[in-house]
Amino acid sequence: MRSGKTVLSFLLASLAIVASGQFSSAAASGAIQLYSGVAYTGSSVSVPAQPRSCTEAPFAVRSVTNLTDVDLFLFREPGCQGGAYAVTSLHQSANTLVPYRSYLVK
């Protein structure tokens, strides 16, 4: 549970960085790069059931409903070329739990 809170804290802190659409990279060389964050408000959003490879589309599979004020993040992993992004993470600012994934905390 502690690592989940750490990831959530990182995602919240990252929102300010990515709000301008600028890149932010992890300290280590070759680390996963946080590419963008997009504010989302609506009744539903689809998220991957599991991490996607660079050759797969990042959005699909599982639908989550009754969301408000959700932050959407895309991550680019080492080895992904061009515009390929491997992981989609979601943060729910209300009390509803939303599945999210991150490779930044192992």
C-alpha atoms as a PDB file:
ATOM      1  CA  MET A   1       0.000   0.000   0.000  1.00  0.00           C
ATOM      2  CA  ARG A   2       2.869   2.329   0.746  1.00  0.00           C
ATOM      3  CA  SER A   3       4.307   2.069  -2.782  1.00  0.00           C
ATOM      4  CA  GLY A   4       0.828   2.875  -4.142  1.00  0.00           C
ATOM      5  CA  LYS A   5       0.778   6.085  -2.102  1.00  0.00           C
ATOM      6  CA  THR A   6       4.294   6.904  -3.320  1.00  0.00           C
ATOM      7  CA  VAL A   7       3.226   6.488  -6.936  1.00  0.00           C
ATOM      8  CA  LEU A   8       0.105   8.564  -6.329  1.00  0.00           C
ATOM      9  CA  SER A   9       2.166  11.319  -4.725  1.00  0.00           C
ATOM     10  CA  PHE A  10       4.519  11.298  -7.698  1.00  0.00           C
ATOM     11  CA  LEU A  11       1.619  11.554 -10.143  1.00  0.00           C
ATOM     12  CA  LEU A  12       0.125  14.485  -8.259  1.00  0.00           C
ATOM     13  CA  ALA A  13       3.467  16.283  -8.168  1.00  0.00           C
ATOM     14  CA  SER A  14       4.013  15.556 -11.842  1.00  0.00           C
ATOM     15  CA  LEU A  15       0.777  17.222 -12.899  1.00  0.00           C
ATOM     16  CA  ALA A  16       2.222  20.688 -12.345  1.00  0.00           C
ATOM     17  CA  ILE A  17       5.259  19.786 -14.441  1.00  0.00           C
ATOM     18  CA  VAL A  18       3.334  18.341 -17.351  1.00  0.00           C
ATOM     19  CA  ALA A  19       0.525  20.895 -17.367  1.00  0.00           C
ATOM     20  CA  SER A  20       2.555  23.080 -19.707  1.00  0.00           C
ATOM     21  CA  GLY A  21       3.042  20.136 -22.081  1.00  0.00           C
ATOM     22  CA  GLN A  22       6.778  20.029 -21.436  1.00  0.00           C
ATOM     23  CA  PHE A  23       8.872  16.903 -20.998  1.00  0.00           C
ATOM     24  CA  SER A  24      10.010  15.737 -17.587  1.00  0.00           C
ATOM     25  CA  SER A  25      12.460  12.886 -17.247  1.00  0.00           C
ATOM     26  CA  ALA A  26      13.538  10.739 -14.338  1.00  0.00           C
ATOM     27  CA  ALA A  27      16.997  11.312 -12.907  1.00  0.00           C
ATOM     28  CA  ALA A  28      18.630   8.120 -14.127  1.00  0.00           C
ATOM     29  CA  SER A  29      19.772   7.908 -17.721  1.00  0.00           C
ATOM     30  CA  GLY A  30      17.457   5.725 -19.798  1.00  0.00           C
ATOM     31  CA  ALA A  31      14.690   5.964 -17.205  1.00  0.00           C
ATOM     32  CA  ILE A  32      11.031   6.074 -18.112  1.00  0.00           C
ATOM     33  CA  GLN A  33      10.028   9.506 -19.350  1.00  0.00           C
ATOM     34  CA  LEU A  34       6.848  11.222 -18.239  1.00  0.00           C
ATOM     35  CA  TYR A  35       5.461  12.590 -21.482  1.00  0.00           C
ATOM     36  CA  SER A  36       2.162  14.300 -20.794  1.00  0.00           C
ATOM     37  CA  GLY A  37      -0.702  14.823 -18.384  1.00  0.00           C
ATOM     38  CA  VAL A  38      -4.232  15.710 -19.402  1.00  0.00           C
ATOM     39  CA  ALA A  39      -7.031  16.774 -17.067  1.00  0.00           C
ATOM     40  CA  TYR A  40     -10.192  14.767 -17.684  1.00  0.00           C
ATOM     41  CA  THR A  41     -13.686  15.254 -16.329  1.00  0.00           C
ATOM     42  CA  GLY A  42     -16.477  12.974 -17.453  1.00  0.00           C
ATOM     43  CA  SER A  43     -18.651   9.963 -16.763  1.00  0.00           C
ATOM     44  CA  SER A  44     -16.273   7.290 -18.018  1.00  0.00           C
ATOM     45  CA  VAL A  45     -12.797   6.603 -19.326  1.00  0.00           C
ATOM     46  CA  SER A  46     -11.084   3.487 -20.659  1.00  0.00           C
ATOM     47  CA  VAL A  47      -7.795   2.267 -19.240  1.00  0.00           C
ATOM     48  CA  PRO A  48      -5.538  -0.687 -20.075  1.00  0.00           C
ATOM     49  CA  ALA A  49      -6.151  -3.832 -18.032  1.00  0.00           C
ATOM     50  CA  GLN A  50      -2.399  -4.387 -18.048  1.00  0.00           C
ATOM     51  CA  PRO A  51       0.731  -2.642 -19.345  1.00  0.00           C
ATOM     52  CA  ARG A  52       0.941  -2.363 -23.112  1.00  0.00           C
ATOM     53  CA  SER A  53       3.980  -2.970 -25.262  1.00  0.00           C
ATOM     54  CA  CYS A  54       5.307  -0.223 -27.507  1.00  0.00           C
ATOM     55  CA  THR A  55       3.540  -1.784 -30.485  1.00  0.00           C
ATOM     56  CA  GLU A  56       0.086  -1.612 -28.889  1.00  0.00           C
ATOM     57  CA  ALA A  57      -2.268   1.331 -28.539  1.00  0.00           C
ATOM     58  CA  PRO A  58      -2.106   2.762 -24.992  1.00  0.00           C
ATOM     59  CA  PHE A  59      -5.874   3.187 -24.532  1.00  0.00           C
ATOM     60  CA  ALA A  60      -8.275   0.225 -24.370  1.00  0.00           C
ATOM     61  CA  VAL A  61      -9.747  -2.768 -22.592  1.00  0.00           C
ATOM     62  CA  ARG A  62     -11.353  -1.731 -19.300  1.00  0.00           C
ATOM     63  CA  SER A  63     -13.917   0.983 -18.698  1.00  0.00           C
ATOM     64  CA  VAL A  64     -14.158   2.919 -15.447  1.00  0.00           C
ATOM     65  CA  THR A  65     -17.321   4.952 -14.817  1.00  0.00           C
ATOM     66  CA  ASN A  66     -18.483   7.860 -12.652  1.00  0.00           C
ATOM     67  CA  LEU A  67     -15.204   9.727 -12.732  1.00  0.00           C
ATOM     68  CA  THR A  68     -14.583  13.386 -12.033  1.00  0.00           C
ATOM     69  CA  ASP A  69     -11.379  15.388 -12.197  1.00  0.00           C
ATOM     70  CA  VAL A  70      -9.104  12.573 -13.357  1.00  0.00           C
ATOM     71  CA  ASP A  71      -5.515  13.122 -14.440  1.00  0.00           C
ATOM     72  CA  LEU A  72      -4.300  10.990 -17.342  1.00  0.00           C
ATOM     73  CA  PHE A  73      -0.598  10.266 -17.805  1.00  0.00           C
ATOM     74  CA  LEU A  74       1.324   8.634 -20.635  1.00  0.00           C
ATOM     75  CA  PHE A  75       4.755   7.113 -20.088  1.00  0.00           C
ATOM     76  CA  ARG A  76       7.437   6.328 -22.643  1.00  0.00           C
ATOM     77  CA  GLU A  77       9.695   3.419 -21.743  1.00  0.00           C
ATOM     78  CA  PRO A  78      13.332   2.894 -22.718  1.00  0.00           C
ATOM     79  CA  GLY A  79      13.379   1.161 -26.085  1.00  0.00           C
ATOM     80  CA  CYS A  80      10.147   2.704 -27.337  1.00  0.00           C
ATOM     81  CA  GLN A  81      10.759   4.483 -30.612  1.00  0.00           C
ATOM     82  CA  GLY A  82       9.197   7.679 -31.907  1.00  0.00           C
ATOM     83  CA  GLY A  83       5.680   8.259 -30.648  1.00  0.00           C
ATOM     84  CA  ALA A  84       5.224   4.854 -28.984  1.00  0.00           C
ATOM     85  CA  TYR A  85       3.980   4.955 -25.397  1.00  0.00           C
ATOM     86  CA  ALA A  86       3.677   1.934 -23.198  1.00  0.00           C
ATOM     87  CA  VAL A  87       1.774   2.752 -20.016  1.00  0.00           C
ATOM     88  CA  THR A  88      -1.306   4.775 -19.149  1.00  0.00           C
ATOM     89  CA  SER A  89      -1.831   5.784 -15.527  1.00  0.00           C
ATOM     90  CA  LEU A  90      -4.865   7.356 -13.906  1.00  0.00           C
ATOM     91  CA  HIS A  91      -5.267   9.307 -10.685  1.00  0.00           C
ATOM     92  CA  GLN A  92      -8.692   9.809  -9.136  1.00  0.00           C
ATOM     93  CA  SER A  93      -8.868  12.901  -6.952  1.00  0.00           C
ATOM     94  CA  ALA A  94     -12.179  11.909  -5.345  1.00  0.00           C
ATOM     95  CA  ASN A  95     -12.785   8.895  -3.090  1.00  0.00           C
ATOM     96  CA  THR A  96     -13.371   6.429  -5.926  1.00  0.00           C
ATOM     97  CA  LEU A  97     -10.464   4.066  -6.483  1.00  0.00           C
ATOM     98  CA  VAL A  98      -9.150   4.002 -10.039  1.00  0.00           C
ATOM     99  CA  PRO A  99      -6.667   1.437 -11.349  1.00  0.00           C
ATOM    100  CA  TYR A 100      -3.352   2.902 -12.428  1.00  0.00           C
ATOM    101  CA  ARG A 101       0.041   1.533 -13.332  1.00  0.00           C
ATOM    102  CA  SER A 102       3.519   2.960 -13.110  1.00  0.00           C
ATOM    103  CA  TYR A 103       6.977   1.548 -13.711  1.00  0.00           C
ATOM    104  CA  LEU A 104       8.578   4.389 -11.753  1.00  0.00           C
ATOM    105  CA  VAL A 105       8.232   2.626  -8.397  1.00  0.00           C
ATOM    106  CA  LYS A 106       9.122  -1.069  -8.252  1.00  0.00           C
END
